[in-house]
Amino acid sequence: MPNRSKQKGDRFEREIVHIAEAHNLKAYRIPLSGQTPDLPYDVMLAGRTVSCKKRADGFKTLRTWLQGVDALALGADFEKPLLVVRLEDWMKLL
C-alpha cells in the first residue's frame, strides 16, 4: 500500500524543481532525502539546500501575515530570526 504522505511530499518536491527550472535556475531533488541525518534537505536549488514542507491548510497563518508585505520575519527567544518570502520573490533575488 502506497504511503500517501510520502507521495504528496515527492509531488511537492517535483513541483518546486519545475518552478525553479521555469525561472532558468538549476534545481534537482535529492534521492532519499529526509531518510538519513546526512541529507536533511529535499531539493538543491541554485546551489542552495531547500527543505520542502506541504500542509493541507497551506500554512494559513503565515499566508495571512504575508498579505501586503514582501517578507515576514519570525523570531523566537534564544533563536536566530527566520525570514519567510514567496518562492517566486526569492528566486528573483538569486
Protein backbone atom coordinates (compact mmCIF):
# COMPACT_ATOMS: atom_id res chain seq x y z
CA MET A 1 0.00 0.00 0.00
CA PRO A 2 1.49 3.37 -1.01
CA ASN A 3 2.43 5.94 1.60
CA ARG A 4 0.22 8.89 0.62
CA SER A 5 2.16 11.34 2.77
CA LYS A 6 5.43 10.39 1.04
CA GLN A 7 3.77 10.64 -2.37
CA LYS A 8 2.43 14.11 -1.51
CA GLY A 9 5.90 15.22 -0.44
CA ASP A 10 7.50 13.80 -3.59
CA ARG A 11 4.98 15.63 -5.79
CA PHE A 12 5.65 18.90 -3.98
CA GLU A 13 9.42 18.50 -4.32
CA ARG A 14 8.99 17.92 -8.08
CA GLU A 15 6.74 21.00 -8.26
CA ILE A 16 9.44 23.15 -6.63
CA VAL A 17 12.06 21.82 -9.09
CA HIS A 18 9.78 22.56 -12.07
CA ILE A 19 9.08 26.12 -10.86
CA ALA A 20 12.81 26.75 -10.45
CA GLU A 21 13.57 25.35 -13.91
CA ALA A 22 10.87 27.60 -15.39
CA HIS A 23 12.88 30.52 -13.94
CA ASN A 24 16.05 29.17 -15.59
CA LEU A 25 17.51 28.05 -12.26
CA LYS A 26 19.25 24.71 -11.80
CA ALA A 27 17.34 22.51 -9.38
CA TYR A 28 17.05 18.83 -8.58
CA ARG A 29 15.56 16.52 -5.97
CA ILE A 30 17.86 14.78 -3.50
CA PRO A 31 17.43 10.98 -3.58
CA LEU A 32 16.48 9.53 -0.17
CA SER A 33 16.17 13.00 1.32
CA GLY A 34 14.94 13.07 4.88
CA GLN A 35 15.76 9.39 5.37
CA THR A 36 19.27 9.93 6.69
CA PRO A 37 20.72 12.54 9.05
CA ASP A 38 23.30 13.45 6.38
CA LEU A 39 20.55 14.65 4.00
CA PRO A 40 18.12 16.85 5.96
CA TYR A 41 17.09 18.77 2.83
CA ASP A 42 14.91 17.77 -0.12
CA VAL A 43 15.95 19.92 -3.08
CA MET A 44 19.09 21.62 -4.34
CA LEU A 45 18.04 24.94 -5.90
CA ALA A 46 20.66 27.23 -7.45
CA GLY A 47 23.33 25.71 -5.20
CA ARG A 48 21.24 26.15 -2.04
CA THR A 49 19.65 23.47 0.09
CA VAL A 50 15.87 23.61 0.43
CA SER A 51 13.65 21.62 2.78
CA CYS A 52 10.13 21.23 1.38
CA LYS A 53 7.07 21.11 3.64
CA LYS A 54 3.47 20.94 2.47
CA ARG A 55 0.38 21.05 4.68
CA ALA A 56 -3.31 20.72 3.89
CA ASP A 57 -4.08 24.15 5.39
CA GLY A 58 -1.26 25.73 3.39
CA PHE A 59 0.25 27.33 6.49
CA LYS A 60 -2.76 29.64 6.64
CA THR A 61 -1.42 31.86 9.43
CA LEU A 62 1.84 32.54 7.58
CA ARG A 63 -0.06 33.38 4.40
CA THR A 64 -2.28 35.79 6.34
CA TRP A 65 0.77 37.51 7.83
CA LEU A 66 2.39 37.77 4.35
CA GLN A 67 -0.54 39.67 2.87
CA GLY A 68 0.56 43.14 1.77
CA VAL A 69 4.25 42.68 2.65
CA ASP A 70 7.30 41.42 0.78
CA ALA A 71 8.67 39.24 3.56
CA LEU A 72 7.82 38.00 7.04
CA ALA A 73 10.43 37.97 9.80
CA LEU A 74 9.82 35.41 12.56
CA GLY A 75 11.55 35.32 15.90
CA ALA A 76 11.69 33.14 18.97
CA ASP A 77 13.51 33.64 22.24
CA PHE A 78 17.12 32.40 22.04
CA GLU A 79 16.82 31.54 18.33
CA LYS A 80 18.06 33.27 15.19
CA PRO A 81 15.32 35.05 13.23
CA LEU A 82 13.75 33.43 10.19
CA LEU A 83 12.63 35.19 7.02
CA VAL A 84 9.67 33.89 5.02
CA VAL A 85 9.29 35.04 1.41
CA ARG A 86 7.24 33.82 -1.51
CA LEU A 87 9.16 31.33 -3.65
CA GLU A 88 8.97 33.40 -6.83
CA ASP A 89 10.20 36.52 -4.97
CA TRP A 90 13.16 34.57 -3.54
CA MET A 91 14.10 33.19 -6.96
CA LYS A 92 14.23 36.75 -8.34
CA LEU A 93 16.91 37.52 -5.75
CA LEU A 94 19.16 34.64 -6.84
